[in-house]
C-alpha cells in the first residue's frame, strides 16, 4: 500500500512541476550576407581561430581580417580566395520609462534591461538576429567581404528600430516603447 501511495505521489509531483525556462543561446546564429548563398562555414571555429571569443559584457565592436583559402572551416583551400572580415559586436540594450529628450543624467535605477528579446539587425550587406540575455546583453557575430566598423547598424524590436554606427555602439538606452514587450 505504501509503495502504491509513494508511486502516486511521485507521479502527481512530476506532473505539477514546470520545466525550467530555456536560457538565451550563448552561441549566436550565423548572420547571412545578402546576395550570398549560405554554406557550411563554421563561424564559431573561425571566431576561436582568430581569438575573437569575447565575453558578452565586453561591449563594442572587434573586427579581424583573414584569407578564406588559408582559414579552412568550410572555406575551400584552392578556389575563390579572398579577404574576409570577422565582426564581433557586443551591445547592451536598456530602456527608460520616458520618451523624448531629457535633460537629466540617467542612473541604473532609471533604466531596465531589454531582457530575453529577439533583436533583428542589419549591418550594410549583412543581417541576422540575436537574443538578449537577462541583463540586456547581446552579441552579433558575422563574416563579411568588407569592413563593417564604420557602417550603420540597424537594431529592430517589433516595429521599433534605431540606427548607430557599429564602431560607436556599446550600451544603448532606448525610449519607452522598447520597454513594453
N, C-alpha and C. Protein backbone atom coordinates (compact mmCIF):
# COMPACT_ATOMS: atom_id res chain seq x y z
N UNK A 1 0.83 -1.19 0.00
CA UNK A 1 0.00 0.00 0.00
C UNK A 1 0.88 1.26 0.00
N UNK A 2 1.93 1.25 0.85
CA UNK A 2 2.81 2.41 0.90
C UNK A 2 3.51 2.63 -0.44
N UNK A 3 3.90 1.56 -1.11
CA UNK A 3 4.58 1.66 -2.40
C UNK A 3 3.64 2.27 -3.44
N UNK A 4 2.39 1.89 -3.44
CA UNK A 4 1.41 2.44 -4.37
C UNK A 4 1.18 3.91 -4.08
N UNK A 5 1.10 4.28 -2.81
CA UNK A 5 0.91 5.67 -2.42
C UNK A 5 2.13 6.51 -2.81
N UNK A 6 3.33 5.98 -2.62
CA UNK A 6 4.56 6.68 -2.99
C UNK A 6 4.64 6.87 -4.51
N UNK A 7 4.27 5.85 -5.28
CA UNK A 7 4.29 5.96 -6.74
C UNK A 7 3.30 7.01 -7.21
N UNK A 8 2.10 7.05 -6.60
CA UNK A 8 1.10 8.05 -6.97
C UNK A 8 1.58 9.45 -6.63
N UNK A 9 2.23 9.62 -5.48
CA UNK A 9 2.75 10.93 -5.07
C UNK A 9 3.85 11.41 -6.01
N UNK A 10 4.74 10.52 -6.42
CA UNK A 10 5.81 10.88 -7.37
C UNK A 10 5.20 11.27 -8.71
N UNK A 11 4.25 10.52 -9.20
CA UNK A 11 3.61 10.83 -10.48
C UNK A 11 2.89 12.16 -10.42
N UNK A 12 2.18 12.43 -9.32
CA UNK A 12 1.47 13.69 -9.16
C UNK A 12 2.44 14.86 -9.10
N UNK A 13 3.54 14.72 -8.38
CA UNK A 13 4.54 15.78 -8.28
C UNK A 13 5.20 16.02 -9.62
N UNK A 14 5.50 14.99 -10.36
CA UNK A 14 6.15 15.14 -11.66
C UNK A 14 5.25 15.88 -12.63
N UNK A 15 3.96 15.71 -12.53
CA UNK A 15 3.04 16.39 -13.44
C UNK A 15 2.81 17.84 -13.07
N UNK A 16 3.05 18.21 -11.82
CA UNK A 16 2.75 19.58 -11.40
C UNK A 16 3.95 20.50 -11.45
N UNK A 17 5.14 19.98 -11.65
CA UNK A 17 6.30 20.87 -11.72
C UNK A 17 6.46 21.38 -13.14
N UNK A 18 6.93 22.59 -13.26
CA UNK A 18 7.15 23.17 -14.58
C UNK A 18 8.62 23.06 -14.93
N UNK A 19 8.91 22.78 -16.20
CA UNK A 19 10.31 22.69 -16.59
C UNK A 19 10.94 24.07 -16.56
N UNK A 20 12.24 24.15 -16.32
CA UNK A 20 12.89 25.45 -16.28
C UNK A 20 12.85 26.10 -17.66
N UNK A 21 12.74 27.43 -17.66
CA UNK A 21 12.71 28.17 -18.92
C UNK A 21 14.08 28.09 -19.58
N UNK A 22 14.11 27.94 -20.90
CA UNK A 22 15.40 27.86 -21.57
C UNK A 22 16.12 29.20 -21.48
N UNK A 23 17.42 29.14 -21.29
CA UNK A 23 18.20 30.37 -21.22
C UNK A 23 18.58 30.80 -22.63
N UNK A 24 18.84 32.11 -22.83
CA UNK A 24 19.23 32.56 -24.15
C UNK A 24 20.47 31.83 -24.64
N UNK A 25 20.53 31.62 -25.92
CA UNK A 25 21.64 30.87 -26.52
C UNK A 25 22.94 31.62 -26.35
N UNK A 26 24.00 30.92 -25.95
CA UNK A 26 25.33 31.50 -25.83
C UNK A 26 26.02 31.57 -27.18
N UNK A 27 25.58 30.77 -28.14
CA UNK A 27 26.19 30.79 -29.46
C UNK A 27 25.21 31.43 -30.43
N UNK A 28 25.52 32.62 -30.90
CA UNK A 28 24.60 33.31 -31.78
C UNK A 28 24.49 32.63 -33.14
N UNK A 29 23.32 32.73 -33.77
CA UNK A 29 23.21 32.15 -35.10
C UNK A 29 24.06 32.93 -36.09
N UNK A 30 24.50 32.26 -37.13
CA UNK A 30 25.34 32.91 -38.14
C UNK A 30 24.53 33.92 -38.91
N UNK A 31 25.12 35.08 -39.12
CA UNK A 31 24.50 36.10 -39.94
C UNK A 31 24.60 35.70 -41.40
N UNK A 32 23.68 36.19 -42.18
CA UNK A 32 23.72 35.89 -43.61
C UNK A 32 24.05 37.15 -44.38
N UNK A 33 24.96 37.02 -45.32
CA UNK A 33 25.31 38.15 -46.17
C UNK A 33 24.32 38.16 -47.32
N UNK A 34 23.65 39.30 -47.49
CA UNK A 34 22.62 39.43 -48.51
C UNK A 34 23.23 39.20 -49.89
N UNK A 35 22.58 38.37 -50.70
CA UNK A 35 23.07 38.08 -52.03
C UNK A 35 24.05 36.93 -52.08
N UNK A 36 24.44 36.38 -50.95
CA UNK A 36 25.37 35.26 -50.90
C UNK A 36 24.59 34.01 -50.50
N UNK A 37 24.89 32.90 -51.13
CA UNK A 37 24.25 31.66 -50.73
C UNK A 37 24.88 31.18 -49.42
N UNK A 38 24.06 30.60 -48.56
CA UNK A 38 24.60 30.12 -47.30
C UNK A 38 25.41 28.86 -47.55
N UNK A 39 26.43 28.67 -46.77
CA UNK A 39 27.29 27.50 -46.93
C UNK A 39 27.56 26.90 -45.55
N UNK A 40 28.45 25.97 -45.50
CA UNK A 40 28.76 25.27 -44.26
C UNK A 40 29.98 25.87 -43.57
N UNK A 41 30.03 27.17 -43.45
CA UNK A 41 31.13 27.85 -42.79
C UNK A 41 30.95 27.71 -41.28
N UNK A 42 31.97 27.26 -40.58
CA UNK A 42 31.92 27.11 -39.13
C UNK A 42 32.37 28.41 -38.48
N UNK A 43 31.42 29.31 -38.26
CA UNK A 43 31.71 30.64 -37.74
C UNK A 43 32.36 30.58 -36.35
N UNK A 44 31.86 29.69 -35.51
CA UNK A 44 32.40 29.61 -34.15
C UNK A 44 33.86 29.16 -34.18
N UNK A 45 34.22 28.23 -35.07
CA UNK A 45 35.61 27.78 -35.18
C UNK A 45 36.50 28.91 -35.69
N UNK A 46 36.00 29.69 -36.63
CA UNK A 46 36.77 30.83 -37.13
C UNK A 46 36.95 31.87 -36.03
N UNK A 47 35.90 32.10 -35.27
CA UNK A 47 35.97 33.04 -34.15
C UNK A 47 37.04 32.60 -33.14
N UNK A 48 37.08 31.30 -32.85
CA UNK A 48 38.11 30.77 -31.93
C UNK A 48 39.50 30.91 -32.54
N UNK A 49 39.64 30.55 -33.84
CA UNK A 49 40.94 30.61 -34.50
C UNK A 49 41.50 32.03 -34.54
N UNK A 50 40.62 33.01 -34.66
CA UNK A 50 41.05 34.41 -34.69
C UNK A 50 41.15 35.02 -33.28
N UNK A 51 40.90 34.19 -32.27
CA UNK A 51 40.91 34.63 -30.86
C UNK A 51 39.97 35.83 -30.64
N UNK A 52 38.76 35.66 -31.14
CA UNK A 52 37.74 36.71 -31.02
C UNK A 52 36.58 36.29 -30.13
N UNK A 53 36.77 35.23 -29.35
CA UNK A 53 35.75 34.85 -28.39
C UNK A 53 35.77 35.90 -27.29
N UNK A 54 34.68 36.61 -27.16
CA UNK A 54 34.62 37.71 -26.19
C UNK A 54 33.47 37.51 -25.24
N UNK A 55 33.72 37.88 -23.99
CA UNK A 55 32.65 37.88 -23.02
C UNK A 55 31.63 38.92 -23.46
N UNK A 56 30.36 38.61 -23.35
CA UNK A 56 29.31 39.50 -23.85
C UNK A 56 29.32 40.85 -23.12
N UNK A 57 29.86 40.90 -21.90
CA UNK A 57 29.91 42.16 -21.16
C UNK A 57 31.00 43.11 -21.68
N UNK A 58 31.90 42.62 -22.51
CA UNK A 58 32.93 43.48 -23.11
C UNK A 58 32.30 44.14 -24.34
N UNK A 59 31.78 45.34 -24.14
CA UNK A 59 30.97 45.99 -25.16
C UNK A 59 31.80 46.59 -26.28
N UNK A 60 31.15 46.74 -27.43
CA UNK A 60 31.79 47.36 -28.59
C UNK A 60 32.04 46.36 -29.69
N UNK A 61 32.74 46.84 -30.72
CA UNK A 61 32.98 46.03 -31.91
C UNK A 61 34.45 45.65 -32.01
N UNK A 62 34.69 44.45 -32.50
CA UNK A 62 36.04 43.97 -32.81
C UNK A 62 35.95 43.36 -34.19
N UNK A 63 36.98 43.60 -34.99
CA UNK A 63 36.97 43.10 -36.36
C UNK A 63 38.38 42.65 -36.74
N UNK A 64 38.47 41.50 -37.41
CA UNK A 64 39.75 40.99 -37.90
C UNK A 64 39.57 40.45 -39.31
N UNK A 65 40.64 40.57 -40.11
CA UNK A 65 40.61 40.03 -41.46
C UNK A 65 41.27 38.67 -41.50
N UNK A 66 40.88 37.88 -42.49
CA UNK A 66 41.52 36.59 -42.72
C UNK A 66 41.38 36.24 -44.20
N UNK A 67 42.27 35.38 -44.67
CA UNK A 67 42.23 34.87 -46.04
C UNK A 67 41.37 33.61 -46.03
N UNK A 68 40.35 33.59 -46.86
CA UNK A 68 39.41 32.47 -46.84
C UNK A 68 40.08 31.14 -47.20
N UNK A 69 41.06 31.15 -48.11
CA UNK A 69 41.71 29.90 -48.51
C UNK A 69 42.65 29.37 -47.43
N UNK A 70 43.18 30.24 -46.60
CA UNK A 70 44.06 29.81 -45.52
C UNK A 70 43.29 29.42 -44.26
N UNK A 71 42.04 29.88 -44.15
CA UNK A 71 41.28 29.67 -42.92
C UNK A 71 40.74 28.25 -42.80
N UNK A 72 40.17 27.71 -43.86
CA UNK A 72 39.52 26.41 -43.73
C UNK A 72 38.17 26.57 -43.06
N UNK A 73 37.75 25.63 -42.22
CA UNK A 73 36.47 25.64 -41.50
C UNK A 73 35.29 25.87 -42.43
N UNK A 74 35.33 25.23 -43.58
CA UNK A 74 34.24 25.33 -44.54
C UNK A 74 34.60 26.11 -45.79
N UNK A 75 35.65 26.90 -45.73
CA UNK A 75 36.11 27.61 -46.92
C UNK A 75 37.00 26.68 -47.73
N UNK A 76 36.84 26.66 -49.06
CA UNK A 76 37.73 25.82 -49.88
C UNK A 76 39.14 26.39 -49.88
N UNK A 77 40.13 25.52 -49.97
CA UNK A 77 41.52 25.97 -49.89
C UNK A 77 42.13 26.31 -51.24
N UNK A 78 41.40 26.08 -52.32
CA UNK A 78 42.01 26.27 -53.63
C UNK A 78 41.17 27.06 -54.63
N UNK A 79 40.09 27.66 -54.20
CA UNK A 79 39.31 28.47 -55.14
C UNK A 79 38.62 29.63 -54.42
N UNK A 80 38.37 30.68 -55.19
CA UNK A 80 37.68 31.88 -54.70
C UNK A 80 38.34 32.46 -53.45
N UNK A 81 39.68 32.54 -53.45
CA UNK A 81 40.41 33.08 -52.31
C UNK A 81 40.14 34.58 -52.20
N UNK A 82 39.83 35.03 -50.99
CA UNK A 82 39.53 36.45 -50.79
C UNK A 82 39.73 36.82 -49.32
N UNK A 83 39.87 38.10 -49.08
CA UNK A 83 39.95 38.62 -47.72
C UNK A 83 38.54 38.72 -47.17
N UNK A 84 38.35 38.18 -45.99
CA UNK A 84 37.07 38.24 -45.30
C UNK A 84 37.26 38.97 -43.97
N UNK A 85 36.18 39.49 -43.42
CA UNK A 85 36.19 40.22 -42.16
C UNK A 85 35.30 39.49 -41.16
N UNK A 86 35.87 39.11 -40.04
CA UNK A 86 35.09 38.57 -38.92
C UNK A 86 34.74 39.76 -38.03
N UNK A 87 33.45 39.92 -37.73
CA UNK A 87 32.96 41.01 -36.90
C UNK A 87 32.28 40.41 -35.68
N UNK A 88 32.69 40.87 -34.49
CA UNK A 88 32.01 40.52 -33.25
C UNK A 88 31.63 41.83 -32.58
N UNK A 89 30.33 42.03 -32.38
CA UNK A 89 29.82 43.28 -31.81
C UNK A 89 28.97 42.95 -30.61
N UNK A 90 29.37 43.45 -29.45
CA UNK A 90 28.61 43.25 -28.21
C UNK A 90 27.90 44.53 -27.84
N UNK A 91 26.65 44.40 -27.45
CA UNK A 91 25.82 45.56 -27.12
C UNK A 91 24.99 45.24 -25.88
N UNK A 92 24.66 46.27 -25.13
CA UNK A 92 23.71 46.12 -24.02
C UNK A 92 22.55 47.05 -24.29
N UNK A 93 21.36 46.49 -24.30
CA UNK A 93 20.15 47.26 -24.58
C UNK A 93 19.36 47.48 -23.29
N UNK A 94 19.12 48.74 -23.00
CA UNK A 94 18.35 49.15 -21.83
C UNK A 94 17.24 50.08 -22.31
N UNK A 95 16.17 50.19 -21.55
CA UNK A 95 15.12 51.13 -21.91
C UNK A 95 14.81 52.02 -20.71
N UNK A 96 14.32 53.20 -21.02
CA UNK A 96 13.93 54.15 -19.98
C UNK A 96 12.43 54.34 -20.05
N UNK A 97 11.83 54.68 -18.96
CA UNK A 97 10.38 54.80 -18.90
C UNK A 97 9.93 56.21 -19.24
N UNK A 98 10.53 56.78 -20.27
CA UNK A 98 10.14 58.12 -20.73
C UNK A 98 10.41 58.20 -22.22
N UNK A 99 9.87 59.25 -22.85
CA UNK A 99 10.10 59.46 -24.28
C UNK A 99 10.61 60.87 -24.48
N UNK A 100 11.16 61.11 -25.66
CA UNK A 100 11.64 62.45 -25.99
C UNK A 100 12.98 62.74 -25.35
N UNK A 101 13.42 63.96 -25.53
CA UNK A 101 14.71 64.40 -25.00
C UNK A 101 14.58 64.68 -23.51
N UNK A 102 15.59 64.27 -22.76
CA UNK A 102 15.60 64.54 -21.33
C UNK A 102 16.86 65.33 -20.98
N UNK A 103 16.81 66.09 -19.90
CA UNK A 103 17.95 66.92 -19.52
C UNK A 103 18.66 66.40 -18.28
N UNK A 104 18.18 65.30 -17.72
CA UNK A 104 18.83 64.75 -16.53
C UNK A 104 19.69 63.55 -16.91
N UNK A 105 20.66 63.28 -16.08
CA UNK A 105 21.52 62.11 -16.30
C UNK A 105 20.80 60.88 -15.77
N UNK A 106 20.76 59.84 -16.58
CA UNK A 106 20.09 58.61 -16.19
C UNK A 106 21.02 57.75 -15.33
N UNK A 107 20.46 57.15 -14.31
CA UNK A 107 21.20 56.22 -13.46
C UNK A 107 20.65 54.81 -13.71
N UNK A 108 21.29 53.81 -13.13
CA UNK A 108 20.82 52.43 -13.28
C UNK A 108 19.39 52.26 -12.78
N UNK A 109 18.97 53.06 -11.81
CA UNK A 109 17.61 52.98 -11.29
C UNK A 109 16.57 53.49 -12.29
N UNK A 110 17.01 54.30 -13.27
CA UNK A 110 16.10 54.89 -14.25
C UNK A 110 15.90 54.02 -15.49
N UNK A 111 16.65 52.93 -15.61
CA UNK A 111 16.59 52.10 -16.81
C UNK A 111 16.35 50.64 -16.44
N UNK A 112 15.86 49.90 -17.42
CA UNK A 112 15.63 48.46 -17.23
C UNK A 112 16.23 47.73 -18.42
N UNK A 113 16.78 46.54 -18.22
CA UNK A 113 17.33 45.79 -19.36
C UNK A 113 16.22 45.32 -20.29
N UNK A 114 16.52 45.30 -21.57
CA UNK A 114 15.62 44.69 -22.55
C UNK A 114 16.03 43.22 -22.58
N UNK A 115 15.37 42.44 -21.74
CA UNK A 115 15.80 41.07 -21.47
C UNK A 115 15.03 40.05 -22.30
N UNK A 116 15.76 39.01 -22.73
CA UNK A 116 15.19 37.85 -23.42
C UNK A 116 14.33 38.25 -24.61
N UNK A 117 14.83 39.17 -25.42
CA UNK A 117 14.12 39.63 -26.61
C UNK A 117 14.92 39.27 -27.86
N UNK A 118 14.23 38.90 -28.92
CA UNK A 118 14.87 38.65 -30.21
C UNK A 118 15.01 39.98 -30.93
N UNK A 119 16.24 40.37 -31.17
CA UNK A 119 16.55 41.64 -31.82
C UNK A 119 17.02 41.34 -33.25
N UNK A 120 16.37 41.93 -34.22
CA UNK A 120 16.81 41.82 -35.62
C UNK A 120 17.82 42.93 -35.88
N UNK A 121 18.79 42.64 -36.75
CA UNK A 121 19.79 43.64 -37.06
C UNK A 121 20.19 43.58 -38.53
N UNK A 122 20.61 44.74 -39.04
CA UNK A 122 21.16 44.88 -40.39
C UNK A 122 22.42 45.71 -40.26
N UNK A 123 23.46 45.28 -40.94
CA UNK A 123 24.73 45.99 -40.95
C UNK A 123 25.24 45.96 -42.37
N UNK A 124 25.02 47.07 -43.11
CA UNK A 124 25.35 47.16 -44.54
C UNK A 124 24.77 45.98 -45.28
N UNK A 125 25.56 45.02 -45.71
CA UNK A 125 25.05 43.91 -46.52
C UNK A 125 24.90 42.62 -45.72
N UNK A 126 24.79 42.72 -44.39
CA UNK A 126 24.65 41.54 -43.53
C UNK A 126 23.40 41.73 -42.66
N UNK A 127 22.72 40.64 -42.38
CA UNK A 127 21.57 40.72 -41.49
C UNK A 127 21.49 39.46 -40.64
N UNK A 128 20.80 39.57 -39.54
CA UNK A 128 20.62 38.43 -38.66
C UNK A 128 19.79 38.81 -37.46
N UNK A 129 19.87 38.02 -36.42
CA UNK A 129 19.18 38.32 -35.17
C UNK A 129 19.95 37.71 -34.01
N UNK A 130 19.73 38.27 -32.84
CA UNK A 130 20.29 37.72 -31.62
C UNK A 130 19.26 37.85 -30.53
N UNK A 131 19.45 37.11 -29.45
CA UNK A 131 18.56 37.21 -28.30
C UNK A 131 19.33 37.80 -27.14
N UNK A 132 18.75 38.81 -26.50
CA UNK A 132 19.39 39.41 -25.34
C UNK A 132 19.28 38.46 -24.15
N UNK A 133 20.24 38.58 -23.23
CA UNK A 133 20.17 37.77 -22.01
C UNK A 133 19.35 38.53 -20.97
N UNK A 134 19.33 38.05 -19.76
CA UNK A 134 18.52 38.65 -18.70
C UNK A 134 18.94 40.05 -18.30
N UNK A 135 20.16 40.44 -18.65
CA UNK A 135 20.64 41.79 -18.33
C UNK A 135 20.66 42.71 -19.56
N UNK A 136 20.12 42.24 -20.68
CA UNK A 136 20.05 43.05 -21.88
C UNK A 136 21.26 42.97 -22.80
N UNK A 137 22.20 42.05 -22.51
CA UNK A 137 23.39 41.91 -23.35
C UNK A 137 23.09 41.04 -24.56
N UNK A 138 23.70 41.38 -25.69
CA UNK A 138 23.57 40.58 -26.90
C UNK A 138 24.83 40.65 -27.72
N UNK A 139 25.01 39.70 -28.62
CA UNK A 139 26.22 39.63 -29.43
C UNK A 139 25.87 39.35 -30.88
N UNK A 140 26.51 40.11 -31.76
CA UNK A 140 26.42 39.88 -33.20
C UNK A 140 27.74 39.29 -33.64
N UNK A 141 27.69 38.16 -34.34
CA UNK A 141 28.87 37.53 -34.92
C UNK A 141 28.59 37.38 -36.41
N UNK A 142 29.47 37.93 -37.24
CA UNK A 142 29.23 37.89 -38.68
C UNK A 142 30.53 37.84 -39.45
N UNK A 143 30.43 37.37 -40.67
CA UNK A 143 31.55 37.38 -41.61
C UNK A 143 31.09 38.16 -42.83
N UNK A 144 31.95 39.06 -43.29
CA UNK A 144 31.59 39.91 -44.41
C UNK A 144 32.77 40.05 -45.37
N UNK A 145 32.46 40.47 -46.57
CA UNK A 145 33.51 40.70 -47.56
C UNK A 145 34.10 42.10 -47.46
N UNK A 146 33.59 42.91 -46.53
CA UNK A 146 34.11 44.27 -46.34
C UNK A 146 34.06 44.65 -44.87
N UNK A 147 34.83 45.65 -44.50
CA UNK A 147 34.82 46.13 -43.13
C UNK A 147 33.45 46.68 -42.76
N UNK A 148 33.02 46.43 -41.54
CA UNK A 148 31.72 46.89 -41.08
C UNK A 148 31.82 47.93 -39.96
N UNK A 149 33.05 48.25 -39.53
CA UNK A 149 33.22 49.14 -38.38
C UNK A 149 32.52 50.49 -38.52
N UNK A 150 32.59 51.09 -39.68
CA UNK A 150 32.02 52.42 -39.87
C UNK A 150 30.62 52.40 -40.49
N UNK A 151 30.07 51.22 -40.67
CA UNK A 151 28.75 51.11 -41.27
C UNK A 151 27.66 51.36 -40.23
N UNK A 152 26.48 51.71 -40.73
CA UNK A 152 25.34 51.94 -39.83
C UNK A 152 24.70 50.61 -39.47
N UNK A 153 24.49 50.42 -38.18
CA UNK A 153 23.83 49.23 -37.66
C UNK A 153 22.39 49.59 -37.33
N UNK A 154 21.48 48.80 -37.83
CA UNK A 154 20.06 48.97 -37.51
C UNK A 154 19.66 47.86 -36.56
N UNK A 155 19.13 48.22 -35.40
CA UNK A 155 18.58 47.26 -34.44
C UNK A 155 17.07 47.44 -34.43
N UNK A 156 16.33 46.32 -34.48
CA UNK A 156 14.87 46.38 -34.53
C UNK A 156 14.27 45.43 -33.50
N UNK A 157 13.25 45.92 -32.83
CA UNK A 157 12.45 45.11 -31.91
C UNK A 157 10.99 45.41 -32.25
N UNK A 158 10.31 44.44 -32.84
CA UNK A 158 8.96 44.69 -33.33
C UNK A 158 9.02 45.74 -34.43
N UNK A 159 8.20 46.78 -34.30
CA UNK A 159 8.19 47.87 -35.28
C UNK A 159 9.14 49.00 -34.91
N UNK A 160 9.77 48.92 -33.76
CA UNK A 160 10.70 49.97 -33.31
C UNK A 160 12.11 49.65 -33.79
N UNK A 161 12.85 50.69 -34.16
CA UNK A 161 14.23 50.48 -34.61
C UNK A 161 15.06 51.70 -34.29
N UNK A 162 16.37 51.50 -34.32
CA UNK A 162 17.32 52.59 -34.15
C UNK A 162 18.53 52.32 -35.01
N UNK A 163 19.23 53.40 -35.36
CA UNK A 163 20.46 53.31 -36.16
C UNK A 163 21.61 53.90 -35.36
N UNK A 164 22.76 53.25 -35.45
CA UNK A 164 24.01 53.77 -34.88
C UNK A 164 25.16 53.26 -35.72
N UNK A 165 26.29 53.93 -35.66
CA UNK A 165 27.49 53.42 -36.32
C UNK A 165 28.01 52.25 -35.50
N UNK A 166 28.46 51.20 -36.18
CA UNK A 166 28.91 49.99 -35.50
C UNK A 166 30.05 50.28 -34.53
N UNK A 167 30.97 51.18 -34.88
CA UNK A 167 32.10 51.46 -34.00
C UNK A 167 31.74 52.38 -32.84
N UNK A 168 30.50 52.86 -32.77
CA UNK A 168 30.07 53.74 -31.68
C UNK A 168 29.12 53.06 -30.71
N UNK A 169 28.68 51.86 -31.02
CA UNK A 169 27.64 51.23 -30.21
C UNK A 169 28.25 50.44 -29.05
N UNK A 170 27.72 50.66 -27.87
CA UNK A 170 28.08 49.87 -26.68
C UNK A 170 26.80 49.67 -25.88
N UNK A 171 26.55 50.55 -24.94
CA UNK A 171 25.32 50.49 -24.15
C UNK A 171 24.32 51.45 -24.79
N UNK A 172 23.13 50.95 -25.10
CA UNK A 172 22.12 51.74 -25.77
C UNK A 172 20.91 51.86 -24.86
N UNK A 173 20.48 53.09 -24.61
CA UNK A 173 19.29 53.34 -23.81
C UNK A 173 18.19 53.80 -24.76
N UNK A 174 17.15 53.01 -24.83
CA UNK A 174 16.06 53.27 -25.76
C UNK A 174 14.87 53.91 -25.02
N UNK A 175 13.94 54.54 -25.76
CA UNK A 175 12.77 55.12 -25.11
C UNK A 175 11.72 54.07 -24.73
N UNK A 176 10.65 54.52 -24.10
CA UNK A 176 9.61 53.68 -23.51
C UNK A 176 9.05 52.57 -24.42
N UNK A 177 8.78 52.79 -25.70
CA UNK A 177 8.17 51.70 -26.49
C UNK A 177 8.99 50.40 -26.49
N UNK A 178 10.29 50.49 -26.33
CA UNK A 178 11.11 49.28 -26.30
C UNK A 178 10.91 48.51 -24.98
N UNK A 179 10.41 49.18 -23.95
CA UNK A 179 10.23 48.54 -22.65
C UNK A 179 8.99 47.65 -22.60
N UNK A 180 8.01 47.96 -23.38
CA UNK A 180 6.70 47.30 -23.24
C UNK A 180 6.60 46.06 -24.11
N UNK A 181 7.50 45.14 -23.94
CA UNK A 181 7.47 43.89 -24.71
C UNK A 181 7.19 42.76 -23.78
